[in-house]
Amino acid sequence: MNPQDSDEFIRVKVTGLTIDPFTNMPIIILKDATEATALPIWIGLIEASSIATELEKIELARPMTHDLMKRIMDSYGIKVDRVEINDLTDNTFFARVYLSRDDKKIDLDSRPSDAIAIALRTQAPIFVSKKVLEKSRRVDLSKKLDEGEMKEQKWAEILESLAPEDFGKYKM
């Protein structure tokens, strides 16, 4: 099923890359076309560096892993059709990368940060499942008793309310 024809997914774009002041971990911000819906995803430093490099169009002397993957796919005529962030379980996001070559289609399990880094390099659309958006907003107060978790929840609410111009450029 193509997510563009589905009520189950919405198309998003990368609108920011910032640092969580509580954990010092990078956060990528995805928003829908109207910027009414935002999804913050905490990612690793290496993936943040790869995403920031692509967002800033920085040319490196040697290819990073995601650049190498794109070169390999290009060499074999493999196209990235789309990326989907399709699940959120136990505070872990899951993604799939949909590829095609001639008449053959394949989808691969991926971390969202890797899938996004590849999507940015290939100009592939990024989709988020509506169930992921719903899960990311739920506040289970019985699990949020820890002050650190409450801070994390407040931080997520702050991120969702920010506009793209509120984010500075994040370079690593």
Protein backbone atom coordinates (compact mmCIF):
# COMPACT_ATOMS: atom_id res chain seq x y z
CA MET A 1 0.00 0.00 0.00
CA ASN A 2 1.27 3.43 -0.90
CA PRO A 3 1.08 5.68 2.17
CA GLN A 4 0.17 8.67 0.01
CA ASP A 5 -3.18 6.95 -0.62
CA SER A 6 -3.70 6.00 2.99
CA ASP A 7 -5.30 7.58 6.01
CA GLU A 8 -2.77 5.69 8.13
CA PHE A 9 0.31 7.79 7.25
CA ILE A 10 1.13 11.47 6.88
CA ARG A 11 4.00 12.91 4.89
CA VAL A 12 6.57 14.82 6.94
CA LYS A 13 9.74 16.78 6.39
CA VAL A 14 12.80 17.43 8.50
CA THR A 15 12.37 20.89 10.00
CA GLY A 16 15.07 20.96 12.63
CA LEU A 17 17.94 19.29 14.36
CA THR A 18 18.70 20.37 17.90
CA ILE A 19 20.06 19.17 21.24
CA ASP A 20 17.99 18.00 24.20
CA PRO A 21 19.19 20.22 27.09
CA PHE A 22 18.43 17.47 29.63
CA THR A 23 20.27 14.57 27.98
CA ASN A 24 22.58 16.37 25.52
CA MET A 25 21.32 13.99 22.83
CA PRO A 26 20.46 15.19 19.32
CA ILE A 27 16.80 15.45 18.37
CA ILE A 28 15.46 15.49 14.84
CA ILE A 29 12.15 17.28 14.37
CA LEU A 30 9.70 16.06 11.74
CA LYS A 31 6.63 18.14 10.83
CA ASP A 32 3.76 17.68 8.41
CA ALA A 33 3.15 20.08 5.50
CA THR A 34 0.93 22.37 7.60
CA GLU A 35 3.44 22.26 10.48
CA ALA A 36 0.52 21.49 12.79
CA THR A 37 1.96 18.08 13.69
CA ALA A 38 5.49 17.62 15.02
CA LEU A 39 7.41 14.51 15.99
CA PRO A 40 10.69 14.78 17.90
CA ILE A 41 12.95 11.72 17.66
CA TRP A 42 16.05 11.41 19.84
CA ILE A 43 18.92 10.05 17.72
CA GLY A 44 22.59 9.19 18.02
CA LEU A 45 25.48 11.59 17.47
CA ILE A 46 26.81 9.83 14.36
CA GLU A 47 23.41 9.84 12.67
CA ALA A 48 22.87 13.48 13.67
CA SER A 49 26.20 14.33 12.07
CA SER A 50 25.19 12.55 8.87
CA ILE A 51 21.81 14.29 8.76
CA ALA A 52 23.33 17.71 9.55
CA THR A 53 25.93 17.24 6.82
CA GLU A 54 23.20 16.59 4.27
CA LEU A 55 20.92 19.39 5.51
CA GLU A 56 23.78 21.86 5.31
CA LYS A 57 24.98 20.43 1.94
CA ILE A 58 28.51 20.06 3.31
CA GLU A 59 30.89 18.31 0.93
CA LEU A 60 33.32 15.97 2.65
CA ALA A 61 36.54 14.63 1.16
CA ARG A 62 35.42 11.04 1.83
CA PRO A 63 31.89 9.65 1.82
CA MET A 64 30.08 9.00 5.08
CA THR A 65 28.23 5.68 5.44
CA HIS A 66 24.91 7.05 4.15
CA ASP A 67 26.68 8.67 1.18
CA LEU A 68 28.34 5.34 0.40
CA MET A 69 24.99 3.56 0.61
CA LYS A 70 23.48 6.05 -1.84
CA ARG A 71 26.41 5.55 -4.25
CA ILE A 72 25.97 1.77 -4.10
CA MET A 73 22.22 2.05 -4.70
CA ASP A 74 22.79 4.47 -7.60
CA SER A 75 25.39 2.11 -9.12
CA TYR A 76 22.89 -0.74 -9.16
CA GLY A 77 19.89 1.32 -10.23
CA ILE A 78 18.13 0.96 -6.90
CA LYS A 79 15.63 3.69 -6.05
CA VAL A 80 14.43 4.66 -2.58
CA ASP A 81 10.68 4.96 -3.04
CA ARG A 82 9.85 6.14 0.47
CA VAL A 83 10.71 5.89 4.15
CA GLU A 84 8.15 5.17 6.85
CA ILE A 85 8.42 5.63 10.59
CA ASN A 86 5.91 2.92 11.34
CA ASP A 87 6.07 1.94 15.01
CA LEU A 88 6.88 3.13 18.50
CA THR A 89 7.33 0.46 21.14
CA ASP A 90 8.94 0.87 24.57
CA ASN A 91 10.18 4.37 23.64
CA THR A 92 11.92 3.01 20.52
CA PHE A 93 10.95 4.18 17.04
CA PHE A 94 10.99 1.76 14.11
CA ALA A 95 11.22 2.54 10.41
CA ARG A 96 11.17 0.85 7.01
CA VAL A 97 12.97 1.84 3.83
CA TYR A 98 11.14 0.89 0.61
CA LEU A 99 13.40 0.21 -2.36
CA SER A 100 12.76 -0.72 -5.99
CA ARG A 101 14.78 -1.84 -8.98
CA ASP A 102 13.05 -2.65 -12.24
CA ASP A 103 10.01 -4.73 -11.22
CA LYS A 104 11.45 -5.87 -7.90
CA LYS A 105 10.45 -4.19 -4.65
CA ILE A 106 11.93 -4.71 -1.21
CA ASP A 107 11.43 -3.13 2.17
CA LEU A 108 14.04 -3.12 4.90
CA ASP A 109 13.88 -2.63 8.65
CA SER A 110 15.81 0.47 9.73
CA ARG A 111 16.43 2.86 12.55
CA PRO A 112 14.53 6.08 11.81
CA SER A 113 17.73 8.15 11.88
CA ASP A 114 19.37 5.99 9.20
CA ALA A 115 16.19 5.92 7.12
CA ILE A 116 15.91 9.72 7.32
CA ALA A 117 19.59 10.20 6.41
CA ILE A 118 19.06 8.03 3.31
CA ALA A 119 15.77 9.73 2.42
CA LEU A 120 17.42 13.16 2.55
CA ARG A 121 20.21 12.01 0.23
CA THR A 122 17.82 10.44 -2.28
CA GLN A 123 15.02 13.03 -2.02
CA ALA A 124 12.66 10.19 -1.03
CA PRO A 125 9.46 11.12 0.81
CA ILE A 126 9.26 10.49 4.55
CA PHE A 127 6.01 9.28 6.13
CA VAL A 128 4.98 8.77 9.74
CA SER A 129 2.25 6.40 10.84
CA LYS A 130 -0.63 8.15 12.58
CA LYS A 131 -0.47 5.47 15.27
CA VAL A 132 3.14 6.50 15.96
CA LEU A 133 2.05 10.12 16.36
CA GLU A 134 -0.69 9.06 18.75
CA LYS A 135 1.66 6.86 20.78
CA SER A 136 4.27 9.62 20.97
CA ARG A 137 1.71 12.01 22.51
CA ARG A 138 0.27 9.68 25.13
CA VAL A 139 1.15 10.49 28.67
CA ASP A 140 0.80 7.52 31.00
CA LEU A 141 0.93 9.27 34.35
CA SER A 142 1.66 6.02 36.17
CA LYS A 143 4.91 5.78 34.19
CA LYS A 144 5.71 9.50 34.42
CA LEU A 145 6.23 9.75 38.15
CA ASP A 146 9.98 10.10 37.74
CA GLU A 147 10.92 13.79 37.50
CA GLY A 148 13.28 13.16 34.59
CA GLU A 149 10.50 11.59 32.57
CA MET A 150 8.24 14.55 33.34
CA LYS A 151 10.97 16.91 32.10
CA GLU A 152 11.27 14.82 28.93
CA GLN A 153 7.50 15.03 28.38
CA LYS A 154 7.52 18.82 28.90
CA TRP A 155 10.45 19.10 26.49
CA ALA A 156 8.53 17.14 23.84
CA GLU A 157 5.56 19.50 24.28
CA ILE A 158 7.84 22.51 23.88
CA LEU A 159 9.37 21.03 20.70
CA GLU A 160 5.96 20.40 19.18
CA SER A 161 4.98 24.04 19.59
CA LEU A 162 8.11 25.48 17.96
CA ALA A 163 8.18 26.86 14.43
CA PRO A 164 11.07 26.02 12.05
CA GLU A 165 12.58 29.50 12.48
CA ASP A 166 12.89 28.81 16.21
CA PHE A 167 15.57 26.22 15.51
CA GLY A 168 19.17 27.18 14.98
CA LYS A 169 21.35 25.26 12.59
CA TYR A 170 22.94 22.33 14.33
CA LYS A 171 26.45 21.47 13.18
CA MET A 172 28.67 18.70 14.42
